């Protein structure tokens, strides 16, 4: 009888621990106080871990949680990984990627130089890196 009671008690405690633990994972970030600059910084921080050498030719812009990636990545795999980093960043609603693969060329009409890439002349350059 004592063993049965102990097992029931242990299961009850384990169940409560699971409920409280999953409850913590279900909490979301309050994005109402997150600025576009903080979103851009968070994406560059994510890129820096593995792709710091790409940061000089990738411009990240955010407007109300909608992120635009501009520039180029050295490979398709790296482009996809950088897009994934942006998509998985807290408070990002949507990502538009204008990243190409391979070294960028000169800037065209209506564009300006931004690090190692070109962006529309009316946009802000946020490139990080040397």
C-alpha atoms as a PDB file:
ATOM      1  CA  UNK A   1       0.000   0.000   0.000  1.00  0.00           C
ATOM      2  CA  UNK A   2       2.784   2.435   0.893  1.00  0.00           C
ATOM      3  CA  UNK A   3       4.536   1.851  -2.429  1.00  0.00           C
ATOM      4  CA  UNK A   4       1.330   2.590  -4.377  1.00  0.00           C
ATOM      5  CA  UNK A   5       0.850   5.841  -2.479  1.00  0.00           C
ATOM      6  CA  UNK A   6       4.454   6.812  -3.052  1.00  0.00           C
ATOM      7  CA  UNK A   7       4.163   6.138  -6.800  1.00  0.00           C
ATOM      8  CA  UNK A   8       0.953   8.191  -7.025  1.00  0.00           C
ATOM      9  CA  UNK A   9       2.578  11.054  -5.128  1.00  0.00           C
ATOM     10  CA  UNK A  10       5.697  10.909  -7.324  1.00  0.00           C
ATOM     11  CA  UNK A  11       3.560  10.964 -10.490  1.00  0.00           C
ATOM     12  CA  UNK A  12       1.592  13.926  -9.189  1.00  0.00           C
ATOM     13  CA  UNK A  13       4.772  15.889  -8.426  1.00  0.00           C
ATOM     14  CA  UNK A  14       6.275  14.963 -11.808  1.00  0.00           C
ATOM     15  CA  UNK A  15       3.084  16.075 -13.571  1.00  0.00           C
ATOM     16  CA  UNK A  16       3.147  19.437 -11.794  1.00  0.00           C
ATOM     17  CA  UNK A  17       6.790  19.938 -12.720  1.00  0.00           C
ATOM     18  CA  UNK A  18       5.998  19.245 -16.361  1.00  0.00           C
ATOM     19  CA  UNK A  19       3.063  21.655 -16.365  1.00  0.00           C
ATOM     20  CA  UNK A  20       5.101  24.482 -14.826  1.00  0.00           C
ATOM     21  CA  UNK A  21       8.071  23.788 -17.085  1.00  0.00           C
ATOM     22  CA  UNK A  22       5.981  23.876 -20.286  1.00  0.00           C
ATOM     23  CA  UNK A  23       4.252  27.004 -19.055  1.00  0.00           C
ATOM     24  CA  UNK A  24       7.590  28.812 -18.992  1.00  0.00           C
ATOM     25  CA  UNK A  25       8.309  27.794 -22.579  1.00  0.00           C
ATOM     26  CA  UNK A  26       4.914  29.048 -23.716  1.00  0.00           C
ATOM     27  CA  UNK A  27       5.646  32.611 -22.587  1.00  0.00           C
ATOM     28  CA  UNK A  28       6.350  35.004 -25.441  1.00  0.00           C
ATOM     29  CA  UNK A  29       8.503  38.104 -25.627  1.00  0.00           C
ATOM     30  CA  UNK A  30       6.639  41.395 -25.322  1.00  0.00           C
ATOM     31  CA  UNK A  31       7.363  42.767 -28.787  1.00  0.00           C
ATOM     32  CA  UNK A  32       5.476  46.021 -28.155  1.00  0.00           C
ATOM     33  CA  UNK A  33       8.626  47.436 -26.541  1.00  0.00           C
ATOM     34  CA  UNK A  34      11.128  46.001 -29.036  1.00  0.00           C
ATOM     35  CA  UNK A  35      12.500  48.609 -31.437  1.00  0.00           C
ATOM     36  CA  UNK A  36      13.505  48.002 -35.043  1.00  0.00           C
ATOM     37  CA  UNK A  37      17.103  48.792 -34.077  1.00  0.00           C
ATOM     38  CA  UNK A  38      17.000  46.086 -31.394  1.00  0.00           C
ATOM     39  CA  UNK A  39      15.660  43.604 -33.953  1.00  0.00           C
ATOM     40  CA  UNK A  40      18.473  44.486 -36.384  1.00  0.00           C
ATOM     41  CA  UNK A  41      21.044  44.150 -33.577  1.00  0.00           C
ATOM     42  CA  UNK A  42      19.625  40.758 -32.554  1.00  0.00           C
ATOM     43  CA  UNK A  43      19.875  39.444 -36.129  1.00  0.00           C
ATOM     44  CA  UNK A  44      23.477  40.651 -36.478  1.00  0.00           C
ATOM     45  CA  UNK A  45      24.277  39.096 -33.081  1.00  0.00           C
ATOM     46  CA  UNK A  46      22.884  35.800 -34.388  1.00  0.00           C
ATOM     47  CA  UNK A  47      24.907  36.090 -37.588  1.00  0.00           C
ATOM     48  CA  UNK A  48      28.118  36.958 -35.717  1.00  0.00           C
ATOM     49  CA  UNK A  49      28.240  33.543 -34.037  1.00  0.00           C
ATOM     50  CA  UNK A  50      28.923  31.659 -37.268  1.00  0.00           C
ATOM     51  CA  UNK A  51      28.849  34.128 -40.165  1.00  0.00           C
ATOM     52  CA  UNK A  52      30.807  37.175 -39.022  1.00  0.00           C
ATOM     53  CA  UNK A  53      32.744  37.113 -42.304  1.00  0.00           C
ATOM     54  CA  UNK A  54      29.455  37.668 -44.192  1.00  0.00           C
ATOM     55  CA  UNK A  55      28.298  40.684 -42.195  1.00  0.00           C
ATOM     56  CA  UNK A  56      30.147  43.319 -44.229  1.00  0.00           C
ATOM     57  CA  UNK A  57      28.057  42.602 -47.307  1.00  0.00           C
ATOM     58  CA  UNK A  58      24.633  41.995 -45.742  1.00  0.00           C
ATOM     59  CA  UNK A  59      22.378  44.861 -44.765  1.00  0.00           C
ATOM     60  CA  UNK A  60      19.528  44.102 -42.355  1.00  0.00           C
ATOM     61  CA  UNK A  61      16.546  46.446 -42.097  1.00  0.00           C
ATOM     62  CA  UNK A  62      13.465  46.144 -39.910  1.00  0.00           C
ATOM     63  CA  UNK A  63      10.205  48.067 -40.022  1.00  0.00           C
ATOM     64  CA  UNK A  64       7.579  47.039 -37.463  1.00  0.00           C
ATOM     65  CA  UNK A  65       8.991  43.508 -37.272  1.00  0.00           C
ATOM     66  CA  UNK A  66       9.183  43.020 -41.048  1.00  0.00           C
ATOM     67  CA  UNK A  67      12.826  42.361 -41.883  1.00  0.00           C
ATOM     68  CA  UNK A  68      14.573  42.873 -45.221  1.00  0.00           C
ATOM     69  CA  UNK A  69      17.932  41.250 -45.970  1.00  0.00           C
ATOM     70  CA  UNK A  70      19.969  42.863 -48.742  1.00  0.00           C
ATOM     71  CA  UNK A  71      23.353  42.022 -50.209  1.00  0.00           C
ATOM     72  CA  UNK A  72      25.025  38.710 -50.906  1.00  0.00           C
ATOM     73  CA  UNK A  73      26.246  35.526 -49.264  1.00  0.00           C
ATOM     74  CA  UNK A  74      29.114  33.392 -50.498  1.00  0.00           C
ATOM     75  CA  UNK A  75      27.020  30.191 -50.853  1.00  0.00           C
ATOM     76  CA  UNK A  76      23.376  29.119 -51.082  1.00  0.00           C
ATOM     77  CA  UNK A  77      23.712  27.237 -47.804  1.00  0.00           C
ATOM     78  CA  UNK A  78      24.979  30.339 -45.993  1.00  0.00           C
ATOM     79  CA  UNK A  79      22.211  32.462 -47.540  1.00  0.00           C
ATOM     80  CA  UNK A  80      19.575  30.024 -46.266  1.00  0.00           C
ATOM     81  CA  UNK A  81      21.163  29.886 -42.801  1.00  0.00           C
ATOM     82  CA  UNK A  82      21.220  33.690 -42.521  1.00  0.00           C
ATOM     83  CA  UNK A  83      17.578  33.841 -43.623  1.00  0.00           C
ATOM     84  CA  UNK A  84      16.784  31.234 -40.956  1.00  0.00           C
ATOM     85  CA  UNK A  85      18.594  33.269 -38.281  1.00  0.00           C
ATOM     86  CA  UNK A  86      16.483  36.299 -39.208  1.00  0.00           C
ATOM     87  CA  UNK A  87      13.222  34.300 -39.241  1.00  0.00           C
ATOM     88  CA  UNK A  88      13.976  32.759 -35.837  1.00  0.00           C
ATOM     89  CA  UNK A  89      14.817  36.073 -34.195  1.00  0.00           C
ATOM     90  CA  UNK A  90      12.373  37.133 -31.519  1.00  0.00           C
ATOM     91  CA  UNK A  91       9.700  39.659 -32.628  1.00  0.00           C
ATOM     92  CA  UNK A  92      10.324  39.127 -36.370  1.00  0.00           C
ATOM     93  CA  UNK A  93       6.987  38.815 -38.166  1.00  0.00           C
ATOM     94  CA  UNK A  94       8.240  38.252 -41.706  1.00  0.00           C
ATOM     95  CA  UNK A  95      11.529  38.191 -43.627  1.00  0.00           C
ATOM     96  CA  UNK A  96      12.037  39.385 -47.185  1.00  0.00           C
ATOM     97  CA  UNK A  97      15.358  38.237 -48.569  1.00  0.00           C
ATOM     98  CA  UNK A  98      17.020  40.058 -51.427  1.00  0.00           C
ATOM     99  CA  UNK A  99      20.254  38.165 -50.802  1.00  0.00           C
ATOM    100  CA  UNK A 100      22.079  36.873 -53.850  1.00  0.00           C
ATOM    101  CA  UNK A 101      24.813  34.252 -53.983  1.00  0.00           C
ATOM    102  CA  UNK A 102      28.331  35.252 -54.998  1.00  0.00           C
ATOM    103  CA  UNK A 103      30.252  38.506 -54.831  1.00  0.00           C
ATOM    104  CA  UNK A 104      28.262  41.659 -55.461  1.00  0.00           C
ATOM    105  CA  UNK A 105      29.059  44.010 -58.300  1.00  0.00           C
ATOM    106  CA  UNK A 106      28.707  47.763 -58.615  1.00  0.00           C
ATOM    107  CA  UNK A 107      25.625  49.679 -57.540  1.00  0.00           C
ATOM    108  CA  UNK A 108      22.903  50.306 -60.085  1.00  0.00           C
ATOM    109  CA  UNK A 109      20.591  53.298 -60.565  1.00  0.00           C
ATOM    110  CA  UNK A 110      18.710  54.221 -57.393  1.00  0.00           C
ATOM    111  CA  UNK A 111      21.225  52.366 -55.201  1.00  0.00           C
ATOM    112  CA  UNK A 112      24.051  53.395 -52.914  1.00  0.00           C
ATOM    113  CA  UNK A 113      27.064  51.590 -51.487  1.00  0.00           C
ATOM    114  CA  UNK A 114      26.505  49.977 -48.091  1.00  0.00           C
ATOM    115  CA  UNK A 115      29.545  48.069 -46.860  1.00  0.00           C
ATOM    116  CA  UNK A 116      30.235  45.439 -49.510  1.00  0.00           C
ATOM    117  CA  UNK A 117      26.755  45.626 -51.058  1.00  0.00           C
ATOM    118  CA  UNK A 118      24.264  48.046 -52.593  1.00  0.00           C
ATOM    119  CA  UNK A 119      20.945  49.184 -51.145  1.00  0.00           C
ATOM    120  CA  UNK A 120      18.186  51.569 -52.279  1.00  0.00           C
ATOM    121  CA  UNK A 121      19.331  55.187 -51.873  1.00  0.00           C
ATOM    122  CA  UNK A 122      16.458  56.028 -49.524  1.00  0.00           C
ATOM    123  CA  UNK A 123      17.222  53.185 -47.085  1.00  0.00           C
ATOM    124  CA  UNK A 124      19.501  53.131 -44.036  1.00  0.00           C
ATOM    125  CA  UNK A 125      22.770  51.231 -44.132  1.00  0.00           C
ATOM    126  CA  UNK A 126      23.113  48.991 -41.066  1.00  0.00           C
ATOM    127  CA  UNK A 127      26.025  46.807 -42.186  1.00  0.00           C
ATOM    128  CA  UNK A 128      28.145  45.438 -39.345  1.00  0.00           C
ATOM    129  CA  UNK A 129      31.674  44.133 -39.633  1.00  0.00           C
ATOM    130  CA  UNK A 130      35.014  45.294 -40.936  1.00  0.00           C
END
